């Protein structure tokens, strides 16, 4: 039978509040992920994909963006933002930052820059929200109209994922072509992007030199450890 929705807040309380999962990857990658648990963003929303404006702002790469600041500081090479995990009951919005070696050592400063930028977004007035919303809406339409041809398998997978959430006439365009933008819901989701409601993942091939990795993942044996974000570091 069809499964019911998952819990709206699936992560245990002790997994939030700035806890860091240090991971030793097989590949030589250095990444910081900041993950927030959110309600099911697609619930009752067919004309507009909530968090789209937030991820557009967070993932912006031009002047004044998080990435431009981190690049100037020599802390990061790339940044992306998206709500890539959406199931019935909850969603996860993630900011992923490709770090330099300096950025790994100063990952708390990198995280601080993200939260400072969120505070700037909170200070936007109605006109700024409308400007960014209409810009995002137009860019999404252009991306849909000019998107590359997908392989048949990926196309079918995409349609299958959308079928439980969208009406038949919206299955192909859902998430791409927006109707009315729900700015109020976007701001409500922004209010949940706090330190108390997030967790961090830091991947670094040299992490074992500074952190005792006392756990192994069940299936692949990945070495990792959970540590609280140092209180003093949060204040820097």
Protein backbone atom coordinates (compact mmCIF):
# COMPACT_ATOMS: atom_id res chain seq x y z
CA UNK A 1 0.00 0.00 0.00
CA UNK A 2 0.91 3.65 -0.24
CA UNK A 3 3.13 4.93 2.56
CA UNK A 4 1.94 7.81 4.67
CA UNK A 5 3.94 10.99 5.24
CA UNK A 6 7.14 11.03 7.24
CA UNK A 7 7.43 13.09 10.42
CA UNK A 8 7.67 16.83 9.76
CA UNK A 9 10.82 17.06 11.94
CA UNK A 10 12.60 13.74 11.34
CA UNK A 11 16.00 14.61 12.75
CA UNK A 12 16.56 14.08 16.47
CA UNK A 13 17.09 17.21 18.52
CA UNK A 14 20.70 16.29 19.28
CA UNK A 15 21.44 16.22 15.54
CA UNK A 16 20.67 19.93 15.25
CA UNK A 17 21.93 23.13 16.81
CA UNK A 18 25.16 23.27 14.85
CA UNK A 19 26.40 19.70 15.24
CA UNK A 20 29.15 18.86 12.74
CA UNK A 21 29.63 15.47 11.07
CA UNK A 22 33.30 15.19 10.12
CA UNK A 23 33.78 12.75 7.22
CA UNK A 24 36.91 11.26 5.68
CA UNK A 25 36.04 10.83 1.97
CA UNK A 26 37.70 8.39 -0.39
CA UNK A 27 38.23 11.09 -3.00
CA UNK A 28 40.26 14.24 -2.39
CA UNK A 29 37.26 16.49 -1.90
CA UNK A 30 36.83 19.29 0.61
CA UNK A 31 33.23 20.30 1.12
CA UNK A 32 31.05 21.90 3.75
CA UNK A 33 27.33 21.16 3.66
CA UNK A 34 24.83 23.11 5.74
CA UNK A 35 21.51 21.28 5.89
CA UNK A 36 18.19 22.57 7.26
CA UNK A 37 15.12 20.43 7.81
CA UNK A 38 11.94 22.03 6.49
CA UNK A 39 8.30 21.06 6.09
CA UNK A 40 7.25 19.35 2.86
CA UNK A 41 7.69 22.33 0.51
CA UNK A 42 5.52 20.81 -2.23
CA UNK A 43 2.53 20.17 0.02
CA UNK A 44 -0.34 22.21 -1.41
CA UNK A 45 1.96 24.02 -3.84
CA UNK A 46 1.62 23.24 -7.53
CA UNK A 47 2.04 26.65 -9.16
CA UNK A 48 5.24 27.58 -7.36
CA UNK A 49 8.19 25.67 -5.89
CA UNK A 50 8.77 27.13 -2.39
CA UNK A 51 12.44 27.81 -1.48
CA UNK A 52 13.19 28.62 -5.15
CA UNK A 53 13.84 32.28 -4.38
CA UNK A 54 15.91 31.42 -1.32
CA UNK A 55 18.11 28.95 -3.20
CA UNK A 56 18.42 31.44 -6.07
CA UNK A 57 19.76 34.07 -3.66
CA UNK A 58 22.00 31.68 -1.74
CA UNK A 59 23.44 30.18 -4.93
CA UNK A 60 24.00 33.52 -6.65
CA UNK A 61 27.60 33.86 -7.89
CA UNK A 62 27.83 37.53 -8.85
CA UNK A 63 28.99 40.62 -7.00
CA UNK A 64 27.78 40.76 -3.40
CA UNK A 65 27.10 37.01 -3.22
CA UNK A 66 28.32 34.59 -0.56
CA UNK A 67 30.56 32.90 -3.12
CA UNK A 68 32.20 36.13 -4.28
CA UNK A 69 33.02 36.98 -0.66
CA UNK A 70 34.41 33.51 0.09
CA UNK A 71 36.50 33.50 -3.09
CA UNK A 72 38.04 36.86 -2.22
CA UNK A 73 38.90 35.49 1.22
CA UNK A 74 40.50 32.40 -0.36
CA UNK A 75 38.05 30.10 1.45
CA UNK A 76 35.99 28.51 -1.35
CA UNK A 77 35.97 27.67 -5.06
CA UNK A 78 32.28 26.95 -5.70
CA UNK A 79 28.88 27.02 -4.01
CA UNK A 80 25.45 25.60 -4.77
CA UNK A 81 22.09 25.66 -3.00
CA UNK A 82 19.01 23.55 -3.47
CA UNK A 83 16.11 21.72 -1.91
CA UNK A 84 17.08 18.38 -3.33
CA UNK A 85 15.46 16.02 -0.83
CA UNK A 86 11.67 16.36 -0.78
CA UNK A 87 9.40 13.59 0.53
CA UNK A 88 5.90 13.57 1.94
CA UNK A 89 6.29 15.16 5.34
CA UNK A 90 9.59 17.03 5.18
CA UNK A 91 12.28 18.56 2.96
CA UNK A 92 15.98 19.35 3.27
CA UNK A 93 17.52 22.57 1.97
CA UNK A 94 21.28 22.29 1.53
CA UNK A 95 24.05 24.78 0.83
CA UNK A 96 27.14 22.96 -0.49
CA UNK A 97 30.47 24.76 -0.54
CA UNK A 98 33.64 23.49 -2.22
CA UNK A 99 36.38 24.58 0.16
CA UNK A 100 40.01 25.44 -0.31
CA UNK A 101 42.51 24.02 2.17
CA UNK A 102 42.32 27.35 3.97
CA UNK A 103 38.53 27.08 3.95
CA UNK A 104 38.66 23.69 5.65
CA UNK A 105 40.62 25.15 8.55
CA UNK A 106 38.26 28.13 8.71
CA UNK A 107 35.00 26.31 8.06
CA UNK A 108 33.32 28.12 10.95
CA UNK A 109 34.07 31.44 9.22
CA UNK A 110 32.54 30.02 6.04
CA UNK A 111 29.39 29.00 7.91
CA UNK A 112 29.25 32.41 9.57
CA UNK A 113 29.25 34.07 6.13
CA UNK A 114 26.23 31.99 5.09
CA UNK A 115 24.25 32.96 8.19
CA UNK A 116 25.25 36.62 7.80
CA UNK A 117 23.91 36.50 4.24
CA UNK A 118 20.64 34.99 5.48
CA UNK A 119 20.29 37.99 7.77
CA UNK A 120 20.71 40.27 4.73
CA UNK A 121 17.89 38.38 2.98
CA UNK A 122 15.68 38.86 6.03
CA UNK A 123 16.20 42.60 5.67
CA UNK A 124 14.88 42.73 2.07
CA UNK A 125 11.81 44.89 1.52
CA UNK A 126 8.73 43.93 -0.53
CA UNK A 127 10.07 45.56 -3.71
CA UNK A 128 13.32 43.57 -3.49
CA UNK A 129 11.42 40.30 -2.94
CA UNK A 130 9.27 41.03 -5.99
CA UNK A 131 12.27 41.91 -8.16
CA UNK A 132 14.15 38.74 -7.23
CA UNK A 133 11.00 36.62 -7.55
CA UNK A 134 10.20 37.84 -11.05
CA UNK A 135 13.84 37.43 -12.07
CA UNK A 136 13.85 33.83 -10.80
CA UNK A 137 10.54 33.13 -12.51
CA UNK A 138 11.86 34.38 -15.86
CA UNK A 139 15.14 32.46 -15.55
CA UNK A 140 13.29 29.23 -14.76
CA UNK A 141 11.09 29.63 -17.85
CA UNK A 142 14.13 30.21 -20.07
CA UNK A 143 15.90 27.19 -18.53
CA UNK A 144 12.83 25.03 -19.24
CA UNK A 145 12.43 26.23 -22.81
CA UNK A 146 16.11 25.68 -23.60
CA UNK A 147 16.85 22.63 -21.46
CA UNK A 148 18.92 19.90 -23.04
CA UNK A 149 17.32 16.68 -24.18
CA UNK A 150 17.42 14.10 -21.37
CA UNK A 151 18.01 10.41 -21.78
CA UNK A 152 14.71 8.47 -21.92
CA UNK A 153 15.47 6.78 -18.60
CA UNK A 154 16.10 10.05 -16.74
CA UNK A 155 13.04 11.64 -18.35
CA UNK A 156 10.80 8.80 -17.20
CA UNK A 157 12.30 8.93 -13.69
CA UNK A 158 11.60 12.68 -13.52
CA UNK A 159 7.99 12.20 -14.61
CA UNK A 160 7.48 9.35 -12.13
CA UNK A 161 8.72 11.50 -9.23
CA UNK A 162 6.30 14.29 -10.18
CA UNK A 163 3.21 12.18 -10.74
CA UNK A 164 2.15 11.94 -7.07
CA UNK A 165 2.60 15.70 -6.59
CA UNK A 166 1.33 17.40 -9.75
CA UNK A 167 -1.86 17.30 -11.79
CA UNK A 168 -1.45 15.69 -15.26
CA UNK A 169 -1.25 19.02 -17.08
CA UNK A 170 1.59 20.18 -14.76
CA UNK A 171 3.78 17.06 -14.70
CA UNK A 172 6.18 18.30 -17.41
CA UNK A 173 6.29 21.95 -16.31
CA UNK A 174 6.00 21.54 -12.53
CA UNK A 175 8.88 23.25 -10.74
CA UNK A 176 9.91 25.03 -13.95
CA UNK A 177 7.00 27.24 -15.03
CA UNK A 178 5.67 29.22 -12.07
CA UNK A 179 2.25 30.71 -11.49
CA UNK A 180 1.71 33.13 -8.63
CA UNK A 181 4.67 33.40 -6.25
CA UNK A 182 3.84 32.75 -2.59
CA UNK A 183 6.18 35.28 -0.97
CA UNK A 184 4.66 34.75 2.47
CA UNK A 185 5.48 31.05 2.43
CA UNK A 186 8.99 31.80 1.19
CA UNK A 187 9.54 34.11 4.17
CA UNK A 188 8.13 31.50 6.57
CA UNK A 189 10.67 28.99 5.29
CA UNK A 190 13.43 31.61 5.60
CA UNK A 191 12.55 31.89 9.30
CA UNK A 192 13.49 28.21 9.68
CA UNK A 193 17.01 28.66 8.27
CA UNK A 194 18.58 29.05 11.70
CA UNK A 195 21.49 27.46 13.54
CA UNK A 196 19.07 25.65 15.85
CA UNK A 197 17.46 23.93 12.86
CA UNK A 198 20.52 22.82 10.91
CA UNK A 199 23.37 20.37 10.87
CA UNK A 200 26.78 20.52 9.18
CA UNK A 201 28.79 17.96 7.21
CA UNK A 202 32.50 18.63 6.66
CA UNK A 203 34.29 16.32 4.22
CA UNK A 204 38.09 16.48 4.18
CA UNK A 205 40.61 13.75 3.27
CA UNK A 206 42.93 14.98 6.03
CA UNK A 207 40.29 15.33 8.74
CA UNK A 208 41.67 12.41 10.77
CA UNK A 209 44.78 14.48 11.51
CA UNK A 210 42.75 16.85 13.68
CA UNK A 211 39.59 14.92 14.60
CA UNK A 212 39.30 11.46 16.12
CA UNK A 213 36.98 9.55 13.77
CA UNK A 214 35.33 7.16 16.21
CA UNK A 215 32.50 5.84 14.02
CA UNK A 216 32.17 3.84 10.81
CA UNK A 217 29.19 3.97 8.48
CA UNK A 218 27.31 0.66 8.34
CA UNK A 219 27.29 -0.06 4.61
CA UNK A 220 30.46 1.50 3.19
CA UNK A 221 32.61 1.79 6.30
CA UNK A 222 33.11 5.54 5.90
CA UNK A 223 35.00 6.92 8.88
CA UNK A 224 33.27 9.84 10.58
CA UNK A 225 32.63 11.59 13.88
CA UNK A 226 30.01 13.94 15.31
CA UNK A 227 31.18 16.96 17.26
CA UNK A 228 29.43 20.13 18.46
CA UNK A 229 30.31 23.35 16.73
CA UNK A 230 32.60 25.05 19.24
CA UNK A 231 30.70 27.76 21.11
CA UNK A 232 33.66 30.12 21.01
CA UNK A 233 33.97 29.60 17.25
CA UNK A 234 30.28 30.46 16.79
CA UNK A 235 30.98 33.85 18.30
CA UNK A 236 33.93 34.67 16.03
